[in-house]
Amino acid sequence: MKRARFVAAARQEFLSEVIFYNETQPGMGSHFAAAVEQAAARVLAFPLSGSPSAAITRRVIVKGFPFSLFYRSEAEGIVIFAVAHHSRQPGYWVGRTRSR
């Protein structure tokens, strides 16, 4: 069974945003988590659907939130390198792909 795997830094980004959204508006963190899960499920089903990006990765937008997932397809599923806010410095996460 194929699965989505987050590198440690991407998982920390994800969890930090869930906390932030819950503190901003109770329940919004759950909506954010569901939107990220839906984006990951889309790319698991269609790994080439994301736009090509840096470091031989692809990018998919998280619907309803100003975030993108940067990922790479592999035999077991996908590896997510970043849950990146659209206003963050582009490519800050590229170094994470080198350890793979």
N, C-alpha and C. Protein backbone atom coordinates (compact mmCIF):
# COMPACT_ATOMS: atom_id res chain seq x y z
N MET A 1 0.83 -1.18 0.00
CA MET A 1 0.00 0.00 0.00
C MET A 1 0.88 1.25 0.00
N LYS A 2 0.58 2.16 -0.88
CA LYS A 2 1.36 3.39 -0.98
C LYS A 2 0.97 4.34 0.14
N ARG A 3 1.96 5.13 0.58
CA ARG A 3 1.69 6.05 1.68
C ARG A 3 2.47 7.34 1.50
N ALA A 4 2.01 8.36 2.18
CA ALA A 4 2.70 9.66 2.21
C ALA A 4 3.56 9.68 3.47
N ARG A 5 4.82 10.05 3.28
CA ARG A 5 5.74 10.14 4.41
C ARG A 5 6.32 11.54 4.46
N PHE A 6 6.26 12.16 5.61
CA PHE A 6 6.81 13.50 5.81
C PHE A 6 8.24 13.37 6.34
N VAL A 7 9.18 14.15 5.80
CA VAL A 7 10.48 14.25 6.46
C VAL A 7 10.23 15.00 7.77
N ALA A 8 11.13 14.87 8.73
CA ALA A 8 10.91 15.42 10.07
C ALA A 8 10.60 16.92 10.05
N ALA A 9 11.33 17.69 9.27
CA ALA A 9 11.11 19.14 9.22
C ALA A 9 9.74 19.48 8.64
N ALA A 10 9.29 18.73 7.65
CA ALA A 10 7.97 18.97 7.06
C ALA A 10 6.87 18.60 8.05
N ARG A 11 7.06 17.53 8.79
CA ARG A 11 6.07 17.14 9.82
C ARG A 11 5.98 18.24 10.87
N GLN A 12 7.13 18.81 11.26
CA GLN A 12 7.12 19.89 12.26
C GLN A 12 6.40 21.12 11.71
N GLU A 13 6.62 21.45 10.44
CA GLU A 13 5.89 22.57 9.82
C GLU A 13 4.40 22.32 9.87
N PHE A 14 4.00 21.13 9.50
CA PHE A 14 2.59 20.76 9.48
C PHE A 14 1.97 20.91 10.87
N LEU A 15 2.60 20.30 11.87
CA LEU A 15 2.06 20.34 13.23
C LEU A 15 2.03 21.76 13.79
N SER A 16 3.04 22.56 13.49
CA SER A 16 3.06 23.95 13.95
C SER A 16 1.90 24.75 13.37
N GLU A 17 1.59 24.50 12.11
CA GLU A 17 0.46 25.21 11.48
C GLU A 17 -0.88 24.75 12.02
N VAL A 18 -1.00 23.47 12.33
CA VAL A 18 -2.24 22.98 12.95
C VAL A 18 -2.46 23.70 14.28
N ILE A 19 -1.40 23.81 15.08
CA ILE A 19 -1.50 24.50 16.37
C ILE A 19 -1.85 25.97 16.16
N PHE A 20 -1.15 26.61 15.21
CA PHE A 20 -1.41 28.03 14.94
C PHE A 20 -2.87 28.25 14.55
N TYR A 21 -3.38 27.45 13.62
CA TYR A 21 -4.76 27.63 13.17
C TYR A 21 -5.75 27.34 14.29
N ASN A 22 -5.47 26.37 15.15
CA ASN A 22 -6.36 26.10 16.28
C ASN A 22 -6.37 27.24 17.28
N GLU A 23 -5.23 27.88 17.48
CA GLU A 23 -5.16 29.01 18.40
C GLU A 23 -5.86 30.23 17.80
N THR A 24 -5.79 30.38 16.49
CA THR A 24 -6.43 31.50 15.81
C THR A 24 -7.94 31.37 15.83
N GLN A 25 -8.42 30.17 15.52
CA GLN A 25 -9.86 29.90 15.52
C GLN A 25 -10.06 28.42 15.84
N PRO A 26 -10.65 28.11 16.97
CA PRO A 26 -10.85 26.71 17.35
C PRO A 26 -11.49 25.90 16.22
N GLY A 27 -10.90 24.75 15.94
CA GLY A 27 -11.41 23.88 14.88
C GLY A 27 -10.76 24.10 13.53
N MET A 28 -10.15 25.27 13.33
CA MET A 28 -9.54 25.56 12.03
C MET A 28 -8.31 24.67 11.78
N GLY A 29 -7.64 24.27 12.85
CA GLY A 29 -6.50 23.36 12.69
C GLY A 29 -6.92 22.04 12.08
N SER A 30 -8.09 21.57 12.46
CA SER A 30 -8.62 20.32 11.89
C SER A 30 -8.92 20.49 10.41
N HIS A 31 -9.43 21.66 10.04
CA HIS A 31 -9.69 21.94 8.62
C HIS A 31 -8.39 21.97 7.82
N PHE A 32 -7.36 22.59 8.41
CA PHE A 32 -6.06 22.64 7.75
C PHE A 32 -5.50 21.23 7.59
N ALA A 33 -5.55 20.44 8.65
CA ALA A 33 -5.04 19.06 8.60
C ALA A 33 -5.76 18.25 7.53
N ALA A 34 -7.08 18.41 7.45
CA ALA A 34 -7.85 17.68 6.43
C ALA A 34 -7.47 18.13 5.03
N ALA A 35 -7.23 19.42 4.84
CA ALA A 35 -6.84 19.93 3.52
C ALA A 35 -5.47 19.39 3.11
N VAL A 36 -4.54 19.30 4.06
CA VAL A 36 -3.21 18.74 3.77
C VAL A 36 -3.35 17.25 3.44
N GLU A 37 -4.16 16.54 4.19
CA GLU A 37 -4.38 15.11 3.93
C GLU A 37 -5.01 14.90 2.55
N GLN A 38 -5.95 15.76 2.17
CA GLN A 38 -6.56 15.64 0.85
C GLN A 38 -5.54 15.90 -0.26
N ALA A 39 -4.67 16.90 -0.06
CA ALA A 39 -3.63 17.18 -1.06
C ALA A 39 -2.68 15.99 -1.18
N ALA A 40 -2.31 15.40 -0.06
CA ALA A 40 -1.43 14.23 -0.08
C ALA A 40 -2.12 13.05 -0.76
N ALA A 41 -3.40 12.86 -0.50
CA ALA A 41 -4.14 11.76 -1.13
C ALA A 41 -4.22 11.96 -2.64
N ARG A 42 -4.39 13.22 -3.08
CA ARG A 42 -4.43 13.49 -4.53
C ARG A 42 -3.11 13.10 -5.19
N VAL A 43 -2.00 13.46 -4.56
CA VAL A 43 -0.72 13.15 -5.20
C VAL A 43 -0.35 11.68 -5.05
N LEU A 44 -0.86 11.03 -4.03
CA LEU A 44 -0.66 9.57 -3.96
C LEU A 44 -1.37 8.89 -5.11
N ALA A 45 -2.57 9.34 -5.40
CA ALA A 45 -3.34 8.75 -6.50
C ALA A 45 -2.77 9.13 -7.86
N PHE A 46 -2.28 10.36 -7.98
CA PHE A 46 -1.76 10.89 -9.25
C PHE A 46 -0.43 11.59 -9.00
N PRO A 47 0.66 10.84 -8.83
CA PRO A 47 1.94 11.42 -8.42
C PRO A 47 2.50 12.48 -9.37
N LEU A 48 2.15 12.42 -10.63
CA LEU A 48 2.68 13.39 -11.58
C LEU A 48 1.78 14.61 -11.75
N SER A 49 0.74 14.70 -10.93
CA SER A 49 -0.21 15.80 -11.08
C SER A 49 0.33 17.14 -10.58
N GLY A 50 1.27 17.13 -9.67
CA GLY A 50 1.83 18.37 -9.16
C GLY A 50 2.74 19.03 -10.19
N SER A 51 2.91 20.32 -10.06
CA SER A 51 3.79 21.07 -10.96
C SER A 51 5.24 20.75 -10.65
N PRO A 52 6.07 20.57 -11.68
CA PRO A 52 7.50 20.35 -11.42
C PRO A 52 8.08 21.52 -10.63
N SER A 53 8.99 21.20 -9.72
CA SER A 53 9.59 22.21 -8.87
C SER A 53 11.08 21.96 -8.74
N ALA A 54 11.71 22.61 -7.79
CA ALA A 54 13.15 22.50 -7.58
C ALA A 54 13.54 21.13 -7.06
N ALA A 55 14.79 20.78 -7.24
CA ALA A 55 15.39 19.57 -6.66
C ALA A 55 14.62 18.30 -7.01
N ILE A 56 14.18 18.21 -8.25
CA ILE A 56 13.46 17.02 -8.75
C ILE A 56 12.25 16.68 -7.88
N THR A 57 11.52 17.70 -7.51
CA THR A 57 10.30 17.52 -6.72
C THR A 57 9.13 18.07 -7.51
N ARG A 58 7.96 17.93 -6.91
CA ARG A 58 6.74 18.47 -7.48
C ARG A 58 6.02 19.25 -6.38
N ARG A 59 5.12 20.12 -6.83
CA ARG A 59 4.40 20.98 -5.90
C ARG A 59 2.91 20.87 -6.15
N VAL A 60 2.15 20.75 -5.07
CA VAL A 60 0.69 20.76 -5.14
C VAL A 60 0.18 21.77 -4.11
N ILE A 61 -0.83 22.52 -4.49
CA ILE A 61 -1.40 23.53 -3.60
C ILE A 61 -2.41 22.88 -2.67
N VAL A 62 -2.38 23.31 -1.42
CA VAL A 62 -3.35 22.86 -0.42
C VAL A 62 -4.59 23.75 -0.57
N LYS A 63 -5.69 23.14 -0.95
CA LYS A 63 -6.93 23.90 -1.21
C LYS A 63 -7.43 24.60 0.04
N GLY A 64 -7.76 25.90 -0.12
CA GLY A 64 -8.34 26.67 0.95
C GLY A 64 -7.35 27.32 1.89
N PHE A 65 -6.06 27.07 1.69
CA PHE A 65 -5.03 27.62 2.57
C PHE A 65 -3.85 28.07 1.71
N PRO A 66 -3.09 29.06 2.17
CA PRO A 66 -1.94 29.56 1.39
C PRO A 66 -0.69 28.71 1.58
N PHE A 67 -0.81 27.42 1.30
CA PHE A 67 0.29 26.47 1.48
C PHE A 67 0.41 25.56 0.28
N SER A 68 1.62 25.04 0.09
CA SER A 68 1.88 24.02 -0.92
C SER A 68 2.63 22.88 -0.27
N LEU A 69 2.44 21.68 -0.81
CA LEU A 69 3.26 20.53 -0.43
C LEU A 69 4.30 20.34 -1.51
N PHE A 70 5.54 20.18 -1.12
CA PHE A 70 6.61 19.86 -2.05
C PHE A 70 6.98 18.41 -1.79
N TYR A 71 6.92 17.59 -2.83
CA TYR A 71 7.05 16.15 -2.65
C TYR A 71 7.82 15.51 -3.80
N ARG A 72 8.19 14.28 -3.57
CA ARG A 72 8.81 13.45 -4.60
C ARG A 72 8.15 12.08 -4.54
N SER A 73 7.88 11.53 -5.70
CA SER A 73 7.30 10.20 -5.80
C SER A 73 8.40 9.16 -5.63
N GLU A 74 8.08 8.08 -4.94
CA GLU A 74 9.00 6.96 -4.82
C GLU A 74 8.19 5.68 -4.88
N ALA A 75 8.86 4.55 -4.89
CA ALA A 75 8.17 3.27 -5.07
C ALA A 75 7.10 3.02 -4.00
N GLU A 76 7.37 3.42 -2.76
CA GLU A 76 6.43 3.17 -1.66
C GLU A 76 5.32 4.20 -1.55
N GLY A 77 5.40 5.30 -2.33
CA GLY A 77 4.40 6.35 -2.26
C GLY A 77 5.02 7.70 -2.56
N ILE A 78 4.87 8.65 -1.62
CA ILE A 78 5.48 9.96 -1.80
C ILE A 78 6.21 10.37 -0.53
N VAL A 79 7.23 11.19 -0.71
CA VAL A 79 7.94 11.81 0.41
C VAL A 79 7.65 13.30 0.35
N ILE A 80 7.15 13.86 1.43
CA ILE A 80 6.83 15.29 1.50
C ILE A 80 7.98 15.99 2.20
N PHE A 81 8.57 16.95 1.48
CA PHE A 81 9.73 17.68 1.99
C PHE A 81 9.36 18.99 2.67
N ALA A 82 8.21 19.56 2.33
CA ALA A 82 7.82 20.83 2.94
C ALA A 82 6.31 21.02 2.88
N VAL A 83 5.81 21.65 3.93
CA VAL A 83 4.46 22.19 3.97
C VAL A 83 4.71 23.69 4.04
N ALA A 84 4.83 24.31 2.87
CA ALA A 84 5.37 25.66 2.75
C ALA A 84 4.29 26.72 2.57
N HIS A 85 4.34 27.74 3.43
CA HIS A 85 3.46 28.89 3.28
C HIS A 85 3.89 29.65 2.03
N HIS A 86 2.95 30.18 1.30
CA HIS A 86 3.26 30.85 0.03
C HIS A 86 4.09 32.11 0.20
N SER A 87 4.12 32.69 1.40
CA SER A 87 4.92 33.91 1.59
C SER A 87 6.33 33.62 2.09
N ARG A 88 6.66 32.37 2.30
CA ARG A 88 8.01 32.02 2.77
C ARG A 88 9.01 32.11 1.65
N GLN A 89 10.27 32.23 2.02
CA GLN A 89 11.36 32.28 1.06
C GLN A 89 11.31 31.05 0.14
N PRO A 90 11.23 31.25 -1.16
CA PRO A 90 11.19 30.10 -2.08
C PRO A 90 12.44 29.22 -1.94
N GLY A 91 12.23 27.94 -1.97
CA GLY A 91 13.34 26.99 -1.98
C GLY A 91 14.04 26.79 -0.65
N TYR A 92 13.52 27.34 0.45
CA TYR A 92 14.18 27.19 1.75
C TYR A 92 14.33 25.72 2.14
N TRP A 93 13.51 24.87 1.59
CA TRP A 93 13.44 23.45 1.96
C TRP A 93 14.31 22.55 1.09
N VAL A 94 14.92 23.09 0.04
CA VAL A 94 15.65 22.26 -0.94
C VAL A 94 16.73 21.41 -0.29
N GLY A 95 17.39 21.91 0.73
CA GLY A 95 18.42 21.13 1.41
C GLY A 95 17.91 19.84 2.02
N ARG A 96 16.63 19.77 2.29
CA ARG A 96 16.02 18.56 2.87
C ARG A 96 16.04 17.40 1.89
N THR A 97 16.08 17.68 0.61
CA THR A 97 16.04 16.62 -0.40
C THR A 97 17.38 15.95 -0.56
N ARG A 98 18.43 16.58 -0.14
CA ARG A 98 19.78 16.04 -0.34
C ARG A 98 20.10 14.88 0.58
N SER A 99 19.44 14.82 1.72
CA SER A 99 19.70 13.73 2.66
C SER A 99 18.97 12.45 2.28
N ARG A 100 18.19 12.48 1.23
CA ARG A 100 17.43 11.32 0.77
C ARG A 100 18.20 10.58 -0.28
